[in-house]
């Protein structure tokens, strides 16, 4: 093997270790007894225990947090996909006044730091009496993931030859039928990548729900993670167990879909 190839492989291995080790430490700490988590010398061999997971799931309203997270995340992603399909098709296929301004607006919205808008969002929610509201949180997450979804799907639609759509129309399809039967099936990688990105973004969001939802019955799992920190110290075992439960669904989905998801993001970013 050439020295250059060896160097690249060693570099890739080093990066893999750097990125994987924190995940390993989180999983292992979740399975350790509390006495073996904070020690002077790291403990690598231990007898696993699931007590920390019991502590994490025993928190009041745990299943309410799970339900709220799933409802707002899935709803926001589905709404974003529905709107983005129409918007990206219009941008990629139609010529209309203000098209370039619309594309520029999508790009600016994608780069917006949503955390700096928390105060404005709070004032809007307060004045409209929508604090502690899951529909409002869903709408905010929808707006957060929509720009990336539009931008990525635009690239995929632009990459589909117009001749396929025209051929379907010649065969008797309307424009809507041509989109549904010809273009939509070809968008699977883009839909997959944008759905995964949107799910991760909404699932992990913390600042908005912290400010807008003070009622525990309207809170989501990111706030559940903070409940293991008290004035008397941190329950690191329960915190690591909670972090593991919180990260596991997204991690499994990403590992299962990573090739198509990464390929979809790359293709959608450079085409069109």
C-alpha atoms as a PDB file:
ATOM      1  CA  UNK A   1       0.000   0.000   0.000  1.00  0.00           C
ATOM      2  CA  UNK A   2       1.324   3.441  -0.900  1.00  0.00           C
ATOM      3  CA  UNK A   3       2.417   5.794   1.915  1.00  0.00           C
ATOM      4  CA  UNK A   4      -0.239   8.324   0.906  1.00  0.00           C
ATOM      5  CA  UNK A   5      -2.972   5.700   1.223  1.00  0.00           C
ATOM      6  CA  UNK A   6      -1.614   4.571   4.597  1.00  0.00           C
ATOM      7  CA  UNK A   7      -1.609   8.159   5.842  1.00  0.00           C
ATOM      8  CA  UNK A   8      -5.216   8.664   4.710  1.00  0.00           C
ATOM      9  CA  UNK A   9      -6.347   5.453   6.378  1.00  0.00           C
ATOM     10  CA  UNK A  10      -4.588   6.351   9.621  1.00  0.00           C
ATOM     11  CA  UNK A  11      -6.123   9.810   9.523  1.00  0.00           C
ATOM     12  CA  UNK A  12      -9.583   8.343   8.944  1.00  0.00           C
ATOM     13  CA  UNK A  13      -9.072   5.878  11.804  1.00  0.00           C
ATOM     14  CA  UNK A  14      -7.961   8.672  14.134  1.00  0.00           C
ATOM     15  CA  UNK A  15     -11.009  10.771  13.258  1.00  0.00           C
ATOM     16  CA  UNK A  16     -13.267   7.745  13.793  1.00  0.00           C
ATOM     17  CA  UNK A  17     -11.811   7.204  17.265  1.00  0.00           C
ATOM     18  CA  UNK A  18     -12.186  10.889  18.152  1.00  0.00           C
ATOM     19  CA  UNK A  19     -15.842  10.965  17.108  1.00  0.00           C
ATOM     20  CA  UNK A  20     -16.862   7.525  18.366  1.00  0.00           C
ATOM     21  CA  UNK A  21     -15.183   7.672  21.796  1.00  0.00           C
ATOM     22  CA  UNK A  22     -17.639  10.200  23.343  1.00  0.00           C
ATOM     23  CA  UNK A  23     -20.543   8.022  22.186  1.00  0.00           C
ATOM     24  CA  UNK A  24     -18.884   4.952  23.690  1.00  0.00           C
ATOM     25  CA  UNK A  25     -18.274   6.831  26.945  1.00  0.00           C
ATOM     26  CA  UNK A  26     -21.933   7.885  27.104  1.00  0.00           C
ATOM     27  CA  UNK A  27     -23.184   4.320  26.582  1.00  0.00           C
ATOM     28  CA  UNK A  28     -20.689   2.820  29.016  1.00  0.00           C
ATOM     29  CA  UNK A  29     -21.403   5.434  31.713  1.00  0.00           C
ATOM     30  CA  UNK A  30     -25.116   4.708  31.375  1.00  0.00           C
ATOM     31  CA  UNK A  31     -24.403   1.067  32.279  1.00  0.00           C
ATOM     32  CA  UNK A  32     -21.961   1.745  35.131  1.00  0.00           C
ATOM     33  CA  UNK A  33     -22.827   1.891  38.829  1.00  0.00           C
ATOM     34  CA  UNK A  34     -22.637   5.454  40.145  1.00  0.00           C
ATOM     35  CA  UNK A  35     -19.530   4.656  42.180  1.00  0.00           C
ATOM     36  CA  UNK A  36     -17.587   3.777  39.009  1.00  0.00           C
ATOM     37  CA  UNK A  37     -18.496   6.815  36.910  1.00  0.00           C
ATOM     38  CA  UNK A  38     -16.552   9.531  38.758  1.00  0.00           C
ATOM     39  CA  UNK A  39     -13.262   7.835  39.621  1.00  0.00           C
ATOM     40  CA  UNK A  40      -9.636   8.907  39.545  1.00  0.00           C
ATOM     41  CA  UNK A  41      -8.754   6.084  37.152  1.00  0.00           C
ATOM     42  CA  UNK A  42     -11.102   5.257  34.240  1.00  0.00           C
ATOM     43  CA  UNK A  43     -13.023   2.000  34.634  1.00  0.00           C
ATOM     44  CA  UNK A  44     -13.269   0.048  31.383  1.00  0.00           C
ATOM     45  CA  UNK A  45     -14.227  -3.374  32.787  1.00  0.00           C
ATOM     46  CA  UNK A  46     -17.379  -3.377  34.912  1.00  0.00           C
ATOM     47  CA  UNK A  47     -20.573  -5.295  35.571  1.00  0.00           C
ATOM     48  CA  UNK A  48     -23.389  -3.612  33.608  1.00  0.00           C
ATOM     49  CA  UNK A  49     -26.431  -2.350  35.489  1.00  0.00           C
ATOM     50  CA  UNK A  50     -29.691  -0.937  34.164  1.00  0.00           C
ATOM     51  CA  UNK A  51     -30.555   0.980  37.334  1.00  0.00           C
ATOM     52  CA  UNK A  52     -29.671   4.281  35.669  1.00  0.00           C
ATOM     53  CA  UNK A  53     -32.220   3.643  32.925  1.00  0.00           C
ATOM     54  CA  UNK A  54     -34.859   2.930  35.556  1.00  0.00           C
ATOM     55  CA  UNK A  55     -34.060   6.245  37.251  1.00  0.00           C
ATOM     56  CA  UNK A  56     -34.248   8.095  33.933  1.00  0.00           C
ATOM     57  CA  UNK A  57     -37.601   6.668  32.876  1.00  0.00           C
ATOM     58  CA  UNK A  58     -39.109   7.040  36.353  1.00  0.00           C
ATOM     59  CA  UNK A  59     -39.225  10.828  36.001  1.00  0.00           C
ATOM     60  CA  UNK A  60     -42.756  12.219  36.177  1.00  0.00           C
ATOM     61  CA  UNK A  61     -44.465  12.641  32.783  1.00  0.00           C
ATOM     62  CA  UNK A  62     -41.707  10.735  30.949  1.00  0.00           C
ATOM     63  CA  UNK A  63     -44.108   9.257  28.401  1.00  0.00           C
ATOM     64  CA  UNK A  64     -45.738  12.667  27.975  1.00  0.00           C
ATOM     65  CA  UNK A  65     -42.342  14.062  26.995  1.00  0.00           C
ATOM     66  CA  UNK A  66     -41.836  11.193  24.545  1.00  0.00           C
ATOM     67  CA  UNK A  67     -45.261  11.724  22.980  1.00  0.00           C
ATOM     68  CA  UNK A  68     -44.785  15.491  22.728  1.00  0.00           C
ATOM     69  CA  UNK A  69     -41.381  15.105  21.067  1.00  0.00           C
ATOM     70  CA  UNK A  70     -42.690  12.616  18.534  1.00  0.00           C
ATOM     71  CA  UNK A  71     -45.800  14.672  17.743  1.00  0.00           C
ATOM     72  CA  UNK A  72     -44.062  18.012  17.185  1.00  0.00           C
ATOM     73  CA  UNK A  73     -41.066  16.497  15.371  1.00  0.00           C
ATOM     74  CA  UNK A  74     -42.962  14.241  12.972  1.00  0.00           C
ATOM     75  CA  UNK A  75     -45.642  16.881  12.321  1.00  0.00           C
ATOM     76  CA  UNK A  76     -43.053  19.579  11.571  1.00  0.00           C
ATOM     77  CA  UNK A  77     -41.109  17.306   9.207  1.00  0.00           C
ATOM     78  CA  UNK A  78     -44.219  16.164   7.299  1.00  0.00           C
ATOM     79  CA  UNK A  79     -45.497  19.725   6.933  1.00  0.00           C
ATOM     80  CA  UNK A  80     -42.068  20.888   5.749  1.00  0.00           C
ATOM     81  CA  UNK A  81     -41.921  18.117   3.136  1.00  0.00           C
ATOM     82  CA  UNK A  82     -45.410  18.921   1.863  1.00  0.00           C
ATOM     83  CA  UNK A  83     -44.742  22.653   1.485  1.00  0.00           C
ATOM     84  CA  UNK A  84     -41.179  22.186   0.240  1.00  0.00           C
ATOM     85  CA  UNK A  85     -42.279  19.835  -2.552  1.00  0.00           C
ATOM     86  CA  UNK A  86     -44.560  22.507  -3.993  1.00  0.00           C
ATOM     87  CA  UNK A  87     -42.111  25.380  -3.417  1.00  0.00           C
ATOM     88  CA  UNK A  88     -39.062  23.556  -4.788  1.00  0.00           C
ATOM     89  CA  UNK A  89     -41.010  22.451  -7.869  1.00  0.00           C
ATOM     90  CA  UNK A  90     -42.044  26.048  -8.523  1.00  0.00           C
ATOM     91  CA  UNK A  91     -38.473  27.304  -8.123  1.00  0.00           C
ATOM     92  CA  UNK A  92     -36.923  24.569 -10.254  1.00  0.00           C
ATOM     93  CA  UNK A  93     -39.490  24.330 -13.065  1.00  0.00           C
ATOM     94  CA  UNK A  94     -41.408  27.610 -13.326  1.00  0.00           C
ATOM     95  CA  UNK A  95     -40.379  31.076 -14.432  1.00  0.00           C
ATOM     96  CA  UNK A  96     -42.048  33.870 -12.486  1.00  0.00           C
ATOM     97  CA  UNK A  97     -41.331  37.361 -11.259  1.00  0.00           C
ATOM     98  CA  UNK A  98     -39.445  37.363  -7.986  1.00  0.00           C
ATOM     99  CA  UNK A  99     -38.017  33.865  -8.423  1.00  0.00           C
ATOM    100  CA  UNK A 100     -34.432  34.932  -7.686  1.00  0.00           C
ATOM    101  CA  UNK A 101     -35.569  36.932  -4.667  1.00  0.00           C
ATOM    102  CA  UNK A 102     -37.406  33.867  -3.380  1.00  0.00           C
ATOM    103  CA  UNK A 103     -34.276  31.709  -3.752  1.00  0.00           C
ATOM    104  CA  UNK A 104     -32.222  34.369  -1.953  1.00  0.00           C
ATOM    105  CA  UNK A 105     -34.817  34.510   0.829  1.00  0.00           C
ATOM    106  CA  UNK A 106     -34.656  30.733   1.268  1.00  0.00           C
ATOM    107  CA  UNK A 107     -30.863  30.882   1.539  1.00  0.00           C
ATOM    108  CA  UNK A 108     -31.002  33.707   4.099  1.00  0.00           C
ATOM    109  CA  UNK A 109     -33.620  31.843   6.150  1.00  0.00           C
ATOM    110  CA  UNK A 110     -31.431  28.723   6.127  1.00  0.00           C
ATOM    111  CA  UNK A 111     -28.530  30.699   7.616  1.00  0.00           C
ATOM    112  CA  UNK A 112     -30.652  32.439  10.262  1.00  0.00           C
ATOM    113  CA  UNK A 113     -29.545  31.794  13.870  1.00  0.00           C
ATOM    114  CA  UNK A 114     -32.899  30.859  15.375  1.00  0.00           C
ATOM    115  CA  UNK A 115     -31.654  31.209  18.943  1.00  0.00           C
ATOM    116  CA  UNK A 116     -31.446  35.012  18.628  1.00  0.00           C
ATOM    117  CA  UNK A 117     -35.165  35.081  17.778  1.00  0.00           C
ATOM    118  CA  UNK A 118     -36.266  33.448  21.023  1.00  0.00           C
ATOM    119  CA  UNK A 119     -37.324  36.742  22.612  1.00  0.00           C
ATOM    120  CA  UNK A 120     -39.366  37.766  19.571  1.00  0.00           C
ATOM    121  CA  UNK A 121     -40.974  34.309  19.451  1.00  0.00           C
ATOM    122  CA  UNK A 122     -41.827  34.540  23.150  1.00  0.00           C
ATOM    123  CA  UNK A 123     -43.494  37.941  22.732  1.00  0.00           C
ATOM    124  CA  UNK A 124     -45.538  36.680  19.772  1.00  0.00           C
ATOM    125  CA  UNK A 125     -46.607  33.568  21.707  1.00  0.00           C
ATOM    126  CA  UNK A 126     -47.458  35.627  24.798  1.00  0.00           C
ATOM    127  CA  UNK A 127     -49.493  38.234  22.920  1.00  0.00           C
ATOM    128  CA  UNK A 128     -51.389  35.544  21.003  1.00  0.00           C
ATOM    129  CA  UNK A 129     -51.929  33.489  24.189  1.00  0.00           C
ATOM    130  CA  UNK A 130     -50.165  30.449  22.723  1.00  0.00           C
ATOM    131  CA  UNK A 131     -47.561  29.776  25.396  1.00  0.00           C
ATOM    132  CA  UNK A 132     -47.338  26.089  26.388  1.00  0.00           C
ATOM    133  CA  UNK A 133     -48.807  25.201  23.000  1.00  0.00           C
ATOM    134  CA  UNK A 134     -47.665  22.201  20.983  1.00  0.00           C
ATOM    135  CA  UNK A 135     -49.156  23.586  17.730  1.00  0.00           C
ATOM    136  CA  UNK A 136     -47.029  26.741  18.096  1.00  0.00           C
ATOM    137  CA  UNK A 137     -43.912  24.655  18.773  1.00  0.00           C
ATOM    138  CA  UNK A 138     -44.713  22.519  15.725  1.00  0.00           C
ATOM    139  CA  UNK A 139     -45.087  25.652  13.581  1.00  0.00           C
ATOM    140  CA  UNK A 140     -41.727  27.000  14.775  1.00  0.00           C
ATOM    141  CA  UNK A 141     -39.944  23.712  14.053  1.00  0.00           C
ATOM    142  CA  UNK A 142     -41.652  23.619  10.657  1.00  0.00           C
ATOM    143  CA  UNK A 143     -40.248  27.059   9.807  1.00  0.00           C
ATOM    144  CA  UNK A 144     -36.804  26.025  11.083  1.00  0.00           C
ATOM    145  CA  UNK A 145     -36.470  22.974   8.824  1.00  0.00           C
ATOM    146  CA  UNK A 146     -38.345  24.334   5.789  1.00  0.00           C
ATOM    147  CA  UNK A 147     -35.499  26.346   4.126  1.00  0.00           C
ATOM    148  CA  UNK A 148     -33.076  23.398   4.021  1.00  0.00           C
ATOM    149  CA  UNK A 149     -35.835  21.135   2.746  1.00  0.00           C
ATOM    150  CA  UNK A 150     -36.735  23.521  -0.075  1.00  0.00           C
ATOM    151  CA  UNK A 151     -33.115  24.104  -1.036  1.00  0.00           C
ATOM    152  CA  UNK A 152     -32.240  20.405  -1.161  1.00  0.00           C
ATOM    153  CA  UNK A 153     -35.378  19.236  -2.979  1.00  0.00           C
ATOM    154  CA  UNK A 154     -34.938  22.036  -5.507  1.00  0.00           C
ATOM    155  CA  UNK A 155     -31.644  20.462  -6.545  1.00  0.00           C
ATOM    156  CA  UNK A 156     -33.210  17.037  -6.981  1.00  0.00           C
ATOM    157  CA  UNK A 157     -36.142  18.330  -9.037  1.00  0.00           C
ATOM    158  CA  UNK A 158     -33.805  20.371 -11.225  1.00  0.00           C
ATOM    159  CA  UNK A 159     -31.724  17.229 -11.835  1.00  0.00           C
ATOM    160  CA  UNK A 160     -34.722  15.329 -13.274  1.00  0.00           C
ATOM    161  CA  UNK A 161     -34.796  15.864 -17.084  1.00  0.00           C
ATOM    162  CA  UNK A 162     -37.728  17.977 -18.214  1.00  0.00           C
ATOM    163  CA  UNK A 163     -38.172  15.567 -21.114  1.00  0.00           C
ATOM    164  CA  UNK A 164     -39.460  12.873 -18.740  1.00  0.00           C
ATOM    165  CA  UNK A 165     -42.202  15.171 -17.545  1.00  0.00           C
ATOM    166  CA  UNK A 166     -43.032  16.258 -21.084  1.00  0.00           C
ATOM    167  CA  UNK A 167     -43.181  12.640 -22.261  1.00  0.00           C
ATOM    168  CA  UNK A 168     -45.650  11.832 -19.494  1.00  0.00           C
ATOM    169  CA  UNK A 169     -47.815  14.786 -20.510  1.00  0.00           C
ATOM    170  CA  UNK A 170     -47.741  13.646 -24.143  1.00  0.00           C
ATOM    171  CA  UNK A 171     -48.985  10.241 -22.958  1.00  0.00           C
ATOM    172  CA  UNK A 172     -52.013  11.940 -21.429  1.00  0.00           C
ATOM    173  CA  UNK A 173     -50.899  12.873 -17.911  1.00  0.00           C
ATOM    174  CA  UNK A 174     -51.696  16.252 -16.457  1.00  0.00           C
ATOM    175  CA  UNK A 175     -48.839  18.229 -14.942  1.00  0.00           C
ATOM    176  CA  UNK A 176     -49.868  17.082 -11.496  1.00  0.00           C
ATOM    177  CA  UNK A 177     -50.008  13.448 -12.570  1.00  0.00           C
ATOM    178  CA  UNK A 178     -46.617  13.748 -14.278  1.00  0.00           C
ATOM    179  CA  UNK A 179     -45.150  15.091 -11.043  1.00  0.00           C
ATOM    180  CA  UNK A 180     -46.758  12.356  -8.949  1.00  0.00           C
ATOM    181  CA  UNK A 181     -45.936   9.443 -11.250  1.00  0.00           C
ATOM    182  CA  UNK A 182     -42.597  10.492 -12.762  1.00  0.00           C
ATOM    183  CA  UNK A 183     -40.795  13.089 -10.661  1.00  0.00           C
ATOM    184  CA  UNK A 184     -41.894  12.142  -7.146  1.00  0.00           C
ATOM    185  CA  UNK A 185     -40.508   8.554  -7.242  1.00  0.00           C
ATOM    186  CA  UNK A 186     -37.111   9.940  -8.286  1.00  0.00           C
ATOM    187  CA  UNK A 187     -36.991  12.209  -5.244  1.00  0.00           C
ATOM    188  CA  UNK A 188     -36.673   9.376  -2.695  1.00  0.00           C
ATOM    189  CA  UNK A 189     -33.002  10.114  -1.754  1.00  0.00           C
ATOM    190  CA  UNK A 190     -33.770  13.810  -1.335  1.00  0.00           C
ATOM    191  CA  UNK A 191     -36.883  13.147   0.729  1.00  0.00           C
ATOM    192  CA  UNK A 192     -34.907  10.747   2.905  1.00  0.00           C
ATOM    193  CA  UNK A 193     -32.011  13.122   3.546  1.00  0.00           C
ATOM    194  CA  UNK A 194     -34.188  16.152   4.232  1.00  0.00           C
ATOM    195  CA  UNK A 195     -36.498  14.142   6.501  1.00  0.00           C
ATOM    196  CA  UNK A 196     -33.529  12.898   8.510  1.00  0.00           C
ATOM    197  CA  UNK A 197     -32.042  16.375   8.804  1.00  0.00           C
ATOM    198  CA  UNK A 198     -35.380  17.860   9.814  1.00  0.00           C
ATOM    199  CA  UNK A 199     -36.003  15.104  12.355  1.00  0.00           C
ATOM    200  CA  UNK A 200     -32.610  15.625  13.996  1.00  0.00           C
ATOM    201  CA  UNK A 201     -33.044  19.416  14.065  1.00  0.00           C
ATOM    202  CA  UNK A 202     -36.506  19.335  15.635  1.00  0.00           C
ATOM    203  CA  UNK A 203     -35.756  16.395  17.943  1.00  0.00           C
ATOM    204  CA  UNK A 204     -32.701  18.114  19.462  1.00  0.00           C
ATOM    205  CA  UNK A 205     -34.104  21.659  19.688  1.00  0.00           C
ATOM    206  CA  UNK A 206     -33.843  23.060  23.215  1.00  0.00           C
ATOM    207  CA  UNK A 207     -33.964  26.870  23.357  1.00  0.00           C
ATOM    208  CA  UNK A 208     -37.464  27.390  21.966  1.00  0.00           C
ATOM    209  CA  UNK A 209     -39.191  24.788  24.116  1.00  0.00           C
ATOM    210  CA  UNK A 210     -37.306  26.034  27.196  1.00  0.00           C
ATOM    211  CA  UNK A 211     -38.668  29.564  26.765  1.00  0.00           C
ATOM    212  CA  UNK A 212     -42.100  28.904  25.294  1.00  0.00           C
ATOM    213  CA  UNK A 213     -43.256  25.856  27.287  1.00  0.00           C
ATOM    214  CA  UNK A 214     -43.077  26.291  31.047  1.00  0.00           C
ATOM    215  CA  UNK A 215     -45.908  23.839  31.646  1.00  0.00           C
ATOM    216  CA  UNK A 216     -44.352  20.386  32.007  1.00  0.00           C
ATOM    217  CA  UNK A 217     -47.227  18.743  30.163  1.00  0.00           C
ATOM    218  CA  UNK A 218     -46.190  20.670  27.028  1.00  0.00           C
ATOM    219  CA  UNK A 219     -42.434  20.050  27.267  1.00  0.00           C
ATOM    220  CA  UNK A 220     -40.283  17.704  25.210  1.00  0.00           C
ATOM    221  CA  UNK A 221     -37.397  15.301  25.806  1.00  0.00           C
ATOM    222  CA  UNK A 222     -34.534  17.864  25.664  1.00  0.00           C
ATOM    223  CA  UNK A 223     -35.905  19.423  28.861  1.00  0.00           C
ATOM    224  CA  UNK A 224     -36.293  15.962  30.381  1.00  0.00           C
ATOM    225  CA  UNK A 225     -32.498  15.621  30.116  1.00  0.00           C
ATOM    226  CA  UNK A 226     -31.978  18.615  32.399  1.00  0.00           C
ATOM    227  CA  UNK A 227     -33.955  17.109  35.269  1.00  0.00           C
ATOM    228  CA  UNK A 228     -30.983  15.070  36.534  1.00  0.00           C
ATOM    229  CA  UNK A 229     -29.068  18.193  37.561  1.00  0.00           C
ATOM    230  CA  UNK A 230     -29.888  19.484  41.019  1.00  0.00           C
ATOM    231  CA  UNK A 231     -28.534  21.986  43.528  1.00  0.00           C
ATOM    232  CA  UNK A 232     -26.897  19.067  45.325  1.00  0.00           C
ATOM    233  CA  UNK A 233     -24.974  17.711  42.344  1.00  0.00           C
ATOM    234  CA  UNK A 234     -25.442  15.828  39.093  1.00  0.00           C
ATOM    235  CA  UNK A 235     -26.747  12.310  38.716  1.00  0.00           C
ATOM    236  CA  UNK A 236     -24.341  11.423  35.915  1.00  0.00           C
ATOM    237  CA  UNK A 237     -25.502   7.833  35.635  1.00  0.00           C
ATOM    238  CA  UNK A 238     -29.117   8.855  35.047  1.00  0.00           C
ATOM    239  CA  UNK A 239     -27.994  11.711  32.793  1.00  0.00           C
ATOM    240  CA  UNK A 240     -25.974   9.358  30.601  1.00  0.00           C
ATOM    241  CA  UNK A 241     -28.824   6.845  30.524  1.00  0.00           C
ATOM    242  CA  UNK A 242     -31.257   9.584  29.542  1.00  0.00           C
ATOM    243  CA  UNK A 243     -28.853  10.834  26.865  1.00  0.00           C
ATOM    244  CA  UNK A 244     -28.543   7.298  25.518  1.00  0.00           C
ATOM    245  CA  UNK A 245     -32.314   6.852  25.317  1.00  0.00           C
ATOM    246  CA  UNK A 246     -32.633  10.277  23.699  1.00  0.00           C
ATOM    247  CA  UNK A 247     -29.925   9.665  21.095  1.00  0.00           C
ATOM    248  CA  UNK A 248     -30.599   6.011  20.324  1.00  0.00           C
ATOM    249  CA  UNK A 249     -33.577   6.431  17.921  1.00  0.00           C
ATOM    250  CA  UNK A 250     -31.814   9.067  15.821  1.00  0.00           C
ATOM    251  CA  UNK A 251     -28.535   7.138  15.909  1.00  0.00           C
ATOM    252  CA  UNK A 252     -30.153   3.919  14.702  1.00  0.00           C
ATOM    253  CA  UNK A 253     -32.037   5.682  11.907  1.00  0.00           C
ATOM    254  CA  UNK A 254     -28.912   7.527  10.796  1.00  0.00           C
ATOM    255  CA  UNK A 255     -26.755   4.394  10.791  1.00  0.00           C
ATOM    256  CA  UNK A 256     -29.412   2.568   8.769  1.00  0.00           C
ATOM    257  CA  UNK A 257     -29.844   5.393   6.242  1.00  0.00           C
ATOM    258  CA  UNK A 258     -26.454   7.110   6.299  1.00  0.00           C
ATOM    259  CA  UNK A 259     -25.356   6.251   2.745  1.00  0.00           C
ATOM    260  CA  UNK A 260     -28.541   7.402   1.085  1.00  0.00           C
ATOM    261  CA  UNK A 261     -28.909  10.374   3.435  1.00  0.00           C
ATOM    262  CA  UNK A 262     -25.362  11.689   2.926  1.00  0.00           C
ATOM    263  CA  UNK A 263     -25.582  11.044  -0.820  1.00  0.00           C
ATOM    264  CA  UNK A 264     -28.892  12.862  -0.927  1.00  0.00           C
ATOM    265  CA  UNK A 265     -27.544  15.918   0.876  1.00  0.00           C
ATOM    266  CA  UNK A 266     -24.523  16.086  -1.418  1.00  0.00           C
ATOM    267  CA  UNK A 267     -26.522  15.651  -4.611  1.00  0.00           C
ATOM    268  CA  UNK A 268     -29.188  18.143  -3.630  1.00  0.00           C
ATOM    269  CA  UNK A 269     -26.596  20.737  -2.700  1.00  0.00           C
ATOM    270  CA  UNK A 270     -24.700  20.759  -5.991  1.00  0.00           C
ATOM    271  CA  UNK A 271     -27.361  20.173  -8.668  1.00  0.00           C
ATOM    272  CA  UNK A 272     -29.763  22.646 -10.181  1.00  0.00           C
END
